[in-house]
N, C-alpha and C. Protein backbone atom coordinates (compact mmCIF):
# COMPACT_ATOMS: atom_id res chain seq x y z
N UNK A 1 0.84 -1.18 0.00
CA UNK A 1 0.00 0.00 0.00
C UNK A 1 0.89 1.25 0.00
N UNK A 2 0.56 2.18 -0.87
CA UNK A 2 1.37 3.40 -0.99
C UNK A 2 1.05 4.37 0.15
N UNK A 3 2.08 5.02 0.63
CA UNK A 3 1.90 6.02 1.68
C UNK A 3 1.39 7.32 1.06
N UNK A 4 0.51 7.99 1.78
CA UNK A 4 -0.02 9.26 1.29
C UNK A 4 0.20 10.35 2.33
N UNK A 5 0.34 11.58 1.85
CA UNK A 5 0.50 12.76 2.69
C UNK A 5 -0.51 13.77 2.21
N UNK A 6 -1.09 14.49 3.16
CA UNK A 6 -2.20 15.38 2.84
C UNK A 6 -1.89 16.79 3.35
N UNK A 7 -2.34 17.79 2.59
CA UNK A 7 -2.19 19.18 2.99
C UNK A 7 -3.46 19.92 2.59
N UNK A 8 -3.89 20.84 3.44
CA UNK A 8 -5.10 21.60 3.17
C UNK A 8 -4.86 23.08 3.41
N UNK A 9 -5.20 23.90 2.43
CA UNK A 9 -5.17 25.35 2.60
C UNK A 9 -6.60 25.82 2.66
N UNK A 10 -6.97 26.45 3.77
CA UNK A 10 -8.36 26.83 3.98
C UNK A 10 -8.52 28.34 3.87
N UNK A 11 -9.71 28.74 3.48
CA UNK A 11 -10.11 30.15 3.39
C UNK A 11 -9.23 30.95 2.44
N UNK A 12 -8.90 30.35 1.30
CA UNK A 12 -8.15 31.06 0.27
C UNK A 12 -9.11 32.05 -0.39
N UNK A 13 -8.68 33.27 -0.60
CA UNK A 13 -9.57 34.33 -1.08
C UNK A 13 -9.83 34.34 -2.56
N UNK A 14 -9.90 33.18 -3.19
CA UNK A 14 -10.20 33.05 -4.62
C UNK A 14 -11.32 32.03 -4.75
N UNK A 15 -12.23 32.26 -5.68
CA UNK A 15 -13.37 31.35 -5.82
C UNK A 15 -12.90 29.96 -6.25
N UNK A 16 -13.64 28.95 -5.85
CA UNK A 16 -13.29 27.56 -6.16
C UNK A 16 -13.30 27.31 -7.66
N UNK A 17 -14.16 28.00 -8.37
CA UNK A 17 -14.25 27.84 -9.83
C UNK A 17 -12.94 28.25 -10.50
N UNK A 18 -12.35 29.35 -10.04
CA UNK A 18 -11.08 29.82 -10.61
C UNK A 18 -9.92 28.92 -10.21
N UNK A 19 -9.96 28.39 -8.99
CA UNK A 19 -8.90 27.49 -8.53
C UNK A 19 -8.95 26.18 -9.30
N UNK A 20 -10.13 25.70 -9.61
CA UNK A 20 -10.26 24.41 -10.33
C UNK A 20 -9.65 24.46 -11.72
N UNK A 21 -9.66 25.64 -12.36
CA UNK A 21 -9.03 25.77 -13.68
C UNK A 21 -7.54 25.46 -13.59
N UNK A 22 -6.90 25.89 -12.52
CA UNK A 22 -5.47 25.65 -12.33
C UNK A 22 -5.22 24.22 -11.90
N UNK A 23 -6.06 23.71 -11.01
CA UNK A 23 -5.89 22.37 -10.47
C UNK A 23 -5.98 21.30 -11.56
N UNK A 24 -6.86 21.52 -12.54
CA UNK A 24 -7.04 20.54 -13.60
C UNK A 24 -5.77 20.35 -14.44
N UNK A 25 -4.91 21.35 -14.47
CA UNK A 25 -3.68 21.26 -15.25
C UNK A 25 -2.67 20.33 -14.58
N UNK A 26 -2.59 20.37 -13.24
CA UNK A 26 -1.53 19.62 -12.54
C UNK A 26 -2.00 18.29 -11.96
N UNK A 27 -3.26 17.95 -12.08
CA UNK A 27 -3.76 16.70 -11.51
C UNK A 27 -3.05 15.50 -12.14
N UNK A 28 -2.53 14.60 -11.29
CA UNK A 28 -1.87 13.38 -11.76
C UNK A 28 -0.40 13.53 -12.08
N UNK A 29 0.14 14.75 -11.96
CA UNK A 29 1.55 14.98 -12.28
C UNK A 29 2.46 14.57 -11.12
N UNK A 30 3.74 14.46 -11.43
CA UNK A 30 4.73 14.30 -10.38
C UNK A 30 4.80 15.65 -9.65
N UNK A 31 4.99 15.62 -8.33
CA UNK A 31 4.89 16.82 -7.51
C UNK A 31 5.90 17.89 -7.91
N UNK A 32 7.14 17.51 -8.14
CA UNK A 32 8.17 18.49 -8.51
C UNK A 32 7.90 19.11 -9.88
N UNK A 33 7.39 18.30 -10.80
CA UNK A 33 7.02 18.81 -12.12
C UNK A 33 5.84 19.77 -12.02
N UNK A 34 4.89 19.46 -11.13
CA UNK A 34 3.73 20.33 -10.93
C UNK A 34 4.16 21.69 -10.38
N UNK A 35 5.14 21.70 -9.47
CA UNK A 35 5.65 22.96 -8.93
C UNK A 35 6.27 23.82 -10.03
N UNK A 36 7.00 23.19 -10.96
CA UNK A 36 7.58 23.92 -12.07
C UNK A 36 6.51 24.53 -12.96
N UNK A 37 5.49 23.76 -13.27
CA UNK A 37 4.41 24.25 -14.13
C UNK A 37 3.67 25.39 -13.44
N UNK A 38 3.37 25.24 -12.16
CA UNK A 38 2.61 26.26 -11.42
C UNK A 38 3.38 27.57 -11.30
N UNK A 39 4.70 27.49 -11.21
CA UNK A 39 5.48 28.72 -11.04
C UNK A 39 5.44 29.60 -12.29
N UNK A 40 5.10 29.04 -13.46
CA UNK A 40 5.03 29.82 -14.69
C UNK A 40 3.61 30.16 -15.13
N UNK A 41 2.61 29.73 -14.39
CA UNK A 41 1.23 30.04 -14.76
C UNK A 41 0.87 31.46 -14.32
N UNK A 42 0.15 32.22 -15.16
CA UNK A 42 -0.15 33.61 -14.83
C UNK A 42 -1.31 33.80 -13.85
N UNK A 43 -2.11 32.79 -13.62
CA UNK A 43 -3.29 32.94 -12.76
C UNK A 43 -2.88 33.17 -11.31
N UNK A 44 -3.68 33.96 -10.60
CA UNK A 44 -3.43 34.21 -9.17
C UNK A 44 -3.63 32.94 -8.37
N UNK A 45 -4.53 32.08 -8.81
CA UNK A 45 -4.78 30.83 -8.10
C UNK A 45 -3.59 29.89 -8.16
N UNK A 46 -2.75 30.04 -9.18
CA UNK A 46 -1.58 29.16 -9.32
C UNK A 46 -0.63 29.34 -8.14
N UNK A 47 -0.53 30.56 -7.62
CA UNK A 47 0.35 30.81 -6.47
C UNK A 47 -0.17 30.06 -5.24
N UNK A 48 -1.48 30.06 -5.03
CA UNK A 48 -2.06 29.38 -3.87
C UNK A 48 -1.93 27.86 -3.99
N UNK A 49 -2.15 27.33 -5.19
CA UNK A 49 -2.00 25.89 -5.40
C UNK A 49 -0.53 25.49 -5.24
N UNK A 50 0.37 26.34 -5.70
CA UNK A 50 1.81 26.10 -5.55
C UNK A 50 2.17 25.98 -4.08
N UNK A 51 1.64 26.89 -3.26
CA UNK A 51 1.90 26.84 -1.82
C UNK A 51 1.39 25.54 -1.20
N UNK A 52 0.22 25.09 -1.64
CA UNK A 52 -0.37 23.87 -1.09
C UNK A 52 0.48 22.64 -1.45
N UNK A 53 0.90 22.55 -2.71
CA UNK A 53 1.70 21.40 -3.14
C UNK A 53 3.06 21.43 -2.45
N UNK A 54 3.64 22.62 -2.33
CA UNK A 54 4.94 22.76 -1.66
C UNK A 54 4.84 22.36 -0.19
N UNK A 55 3.75 22.74 0.46
CA UNK A 55 3.54 22.38 1.86
C UNK A 55 3.37 20.87 2.02
N UNK A 56 2.63 20.25 1.10
CA UNK A 56 2.45 18.80 1.17
C UNK A 56 3.78 18.09 0.97
N UNK A 57 4.62 18.59 0.07
CA UNK A 57 5.95 18.01 -0.13
C UNK A 57 6.80 18.15 1.12
N UNK A 58 6.74 19.31 1.76
CA UNK A 58 7.50 19.53 2.99
C UNK A 58 7.02 18.61 4.09
N UNK A 59 5.70 18.39 4.19
CA UNK A 59 5.16 17.45 5.18
C UNK A 59 5.68 16.04 4.94
N UNK A 60 5.71 15.64 3.66
CA UNK A 60 6.17 14.30 3.32
C UNK A 60 7.65 14.12 3.68
N UNK A 61 8.43 15.15 3.39
CA UNK A 61 9.87 15.07 3.64
C UNK A 61 10.19 15.10 5.13
N UNK A 62 9.53 16.00 5.86
CA UNK A 62 9.84 16.22 7.26
C UNK A 62 9.23 15.17 8.18
N UNK A 63 7.95 14.88 7.98
CA UNK A 63 7.24 14.00 8.91
C UNK A 63 7.37 12.52 8.57
N UNK A 64 7.40 12.20 7.28
CA UNK A 64 7.38 10.79 6.86
C UNK A 64 8.69 10.33 6.25
N UNK A 65 9.68 11.22 6.11
CA UNK A 65 10.99 10.92 5.52
C UNK A 65 10.88 10.32 4.13
N UNK A 66 10.00 10.89 3.31
CA UNK A 66 9.82 10.44 1.93
C UNK A 66 10.67 11.31 1.01
N UNK A 67 11.10 10.75 -0.10
CA UNK A 67 11.89 11.51 -1.07
C UNK A 67 10.94 12.32 -1.97
N UNK A 68 11.23 13.60 -2.20
CA UNK A 68 10.34 14.43 -3.03
C UNK A 68 10.26 13.95 -4.48
N UNK A 69 11.31 13.28 -4.97
CA UNK A 69 11.29 12.81 -6.36
C UNK A 69 10.26 11.71 -6.58
N UNK A 70 9.89 11.00 -5.51
CA UNK A 70 8.96 9.87 -5.63
C UNK A 70 7.51 10.26 -5.39
N UNK A 71 7.24 11.54 -5.16
CA UNK A 71 5.88 11.97 -4.80
C UNK A 71 5.08 12.38 -6.04
N UNK A 72 3.85 11.89 -6.11
CA UNK A 72 2.93 12.20 -7.20
C UNK A 72 1.65 12.77 -6.61
N UNK A 73 0.95 13.57 -7.37
CA UNK A 73 -0.33 14.13 -6.91
C UNK A 73 -1.41 13.08 -7.14
N UNK A 74 -1.86 12.46 -6.06
CA UNK A 74 -2.89 11.42 -6.15
C UNK A 74 -4.27 12.06 -6.24
N UNK A 75 -4.50 13.06 -5.41
CA UNK A 75 -5.78 13.78 -5.40
C UNK A 75 -5.49 15.25 -5.22
N UNK A 76 -6.26 16.08 -5.89
CA UNK A 76 -6.20 17.52 -5.66
C UNK A 76 -7.56 18.09 -6.02
N UNK A 77 -8.13 18.85 -5.11
CA UNK A 77 -9.46 19.41 -5.38
C UNK A 77 -9.66 20.69 -4.58
N UNK A 78 -10.62 21.48 -5.03
CA UNK A 78 -10.96 22.75 -4.38
C UNK A 78 -12.44 22.74 -4.04
N UNK A 79 -12.73 22.91 -2.77
CA UNK A 79 -14.12 23.00 -2.31
C UNK A 79 -14.45 24.46 -2.04
N UNK A 80 -15.73 24.78 -2.04
CA UNK A 80 -16.15 26.14 -1.75
C UNK A 80 -16.02 26.43 -0.27
N UNK A 81 -15.50 27.60 0.04
CA UNK A 81 -15.43 28.07 1.42
C UNK A 81 -16.60 29.01 1.68
N UNK A 82 -16.57 29.71 2.79
CA UNK A 82 -17.65 30.65 3.10
C UNK A 82 -17.64 31.85 2.14
N UNK A 83 -18.81 32.37 1.88
CA UNK A 83 -18.97 33.54 1.02
C UNK A 83 -19.31 34.74 1.89
N UNK A 84 -18.49 35.79 1.79
CA UNK A 84 -18.77 37.03 2.52
C UNK A 84 -19.70 37.87 1.66
N UNK A 85 -20.80 38.30 2.23
CA UNK A 85 -21.79 39.07 1.48
C UNK A 85 -21.69 40.54 1.83
N UNK A 86 -21.45 41.35 0.81
CA UNK A 86 -21.36 42.80 0.98
C UNK A 86 -22.37 43.44 0.04
N UNK A 87 -22.70 44.69 0.29
CA UNK A 87 -23.66 45.40 -0.55
C UNK A 87 -23.11 46.76 -0.91
N UNK A 88 -23.35 47.17 -2.15
CA UNK A 88 -22.93 48.49 -2.63
C UNK A 88 -24.16 49.21 -3.15
N UNK A 89 -24.23 50.50 -2.92
CA UNK A 89 -25.36 51.29 -3.38
C UNK A 89 -25.41 51.31 -4.90
N UNK A 90 -26.60 51.14 -5.43
CA UNK A 90 -26.80 51.16 -6.87
C UNK A 90 -27.62 52.36 -7.28
N UNK A 91 -27.90 52.49 -8.54
CA UNK A 91 -28.68 53.61 -9.06
C UNK A 91 -30.12 53.54 -8.59
N UNK A 92 -30.73 54.68 -8.45
CA UNK A 92 -32.16 54.82 -8.13
C UNK A 92 -32.51 54.14 -6.81
N UNK A 93 -31.64 54.22 -5.82
CA UNK A 93 -31.96 53.73 -4.49
C UNK A 93 -31.86 52.23 -4.32
N UNK A 94 -31.35 51.55 -5.30
CA UNK A 94 -31.22 50.10 -5.19
C UNK A 94 -29.87 49.75 -4.58
N UNK A 95 -29.68 48.46 -4.32
CA UNK A 95 -28.37 48.01 -3.85
C UNK A 95 -27.91 46.86 -4.74
N UNK A 96 -26.60 46.72 -4.84
CA UNK A 96 -26.00 45.68 -5.66
C UNK A 96 -25.20 44.75 -4.75
N UNK A 97 -25.55 43.47 -4.71
CA UNK A 97 -24.82 42.54 -3.84
C UNK A 97 -23.42 42.25 -4.40
N UNK A 98 -22.45 42.14 -3.50
CA UNK A 98 -21.09 41.75 -3.84
C UNK A 98 -20.79 40.48 -3.04
N UNK A 99 -20.47 39.40 -3.74
CA UNK A 99 -20.19 38.11 -3.10
C UNK A 99 -18.69 37.85 -3.16
N UNK A 100 -18.04 37.85 -2.02
CA UNK A 100 -16.60 37.58 -1.94
C UNK A 100 -16.43 36.11 -1.61
N UNK A 101 -16.15 35.34 -2.62
CA UNK A 101 -16.08 33.89 -2.45
C UNK A 101 -14.69 33.45 -1.99
N UNK A 102 -14.65 32.33 -1.29
CA UNK A 102 -13.38 31.75 -0.86
C UNK A 102 -13.42 30.25 -1.14
N UNK A 103 -12.28 29.59 -0.96
CA UNK A 103 -12.21 28.16 -1.25
C UNK A 103 -11.23 27.47 -0.32
N UNK A 104 -11.33 26.15 -0.27
CA UNK A 104 -10.42 25.29 0.48
C UNK A 104 -9.73 24.37 -0.54
N UNK A 105 -8.40 24.39 -0.54
CA UNK A 105 -7.63 23.57 -1.48
C UNK A 105 -7.04 22.38 -0.73
N UNK A 106 -7.26 21.17 -1.24
CA UNK A 106 -6.75 19.96 -0.62
C UNK A 106 -5.84 19.23 -1.61
N UNK A 107 -4.65 18.87 -1.14
CA UNK A 107 -3.68 18.14 -1.96
C UNK A 107 -3.33 16.84 -1.25
N UNK A 108 -3.40 15.72 -1.94
CA UNK A 108 -2.98 14.42 -1.40
C UNK A 108 -1.86 13.91 -2.29
N UNK A 109 -0.68 13.73 -1.71
CA UNK A 109 0.47 13.20 -2.45
C UNK A 109 0.64 11.72 -2.12
N UNK A 110 1.09 10.98 -3.11
CA UNK A 110 1.26 9.53 -2.96
C UNK A 110 2.68 9.19 -3.40
N UNK A 111 3.28 8.25 -2.70
CA UNK A 111 4.65 7.83 -3.04
C UNK A 111 4.59 6.72 -4.07
N UNK A 112 5.25 6.95 -5.21
CA UNK A 112 5.36 5.95 -6.27
C UNK A 112 6.83 5.80 -6.64
N UNK A 113 7.26 4.58 -6.90
CA UNK A 113 8.66 4.35 -7.25
C UNK A 113 8.83 4.13 -8.71
């Protein structure tokens, strides 16, 4: 049975829909290769996903003594976090809702030889 390491970044200030666009690119990749790809992506969500993958790699190295070269992304997903609801004044006495969405990013790394 392969060993797995998990990392979760909670309350990231980017909507889950935008994070999923980045996550779909690196799903199933080797962890070090995914870090290289994420560092060159222009999306703001790529920085947050990069932090999550890097943290999971550090957990694997420090806590489980696993080699980073052997780590692959087994699972990676973004769930919706809480939505902060704000309101802005609109024309003719109306109000316009502003929804500040957040997300939770989960990365599961698996050791493969």
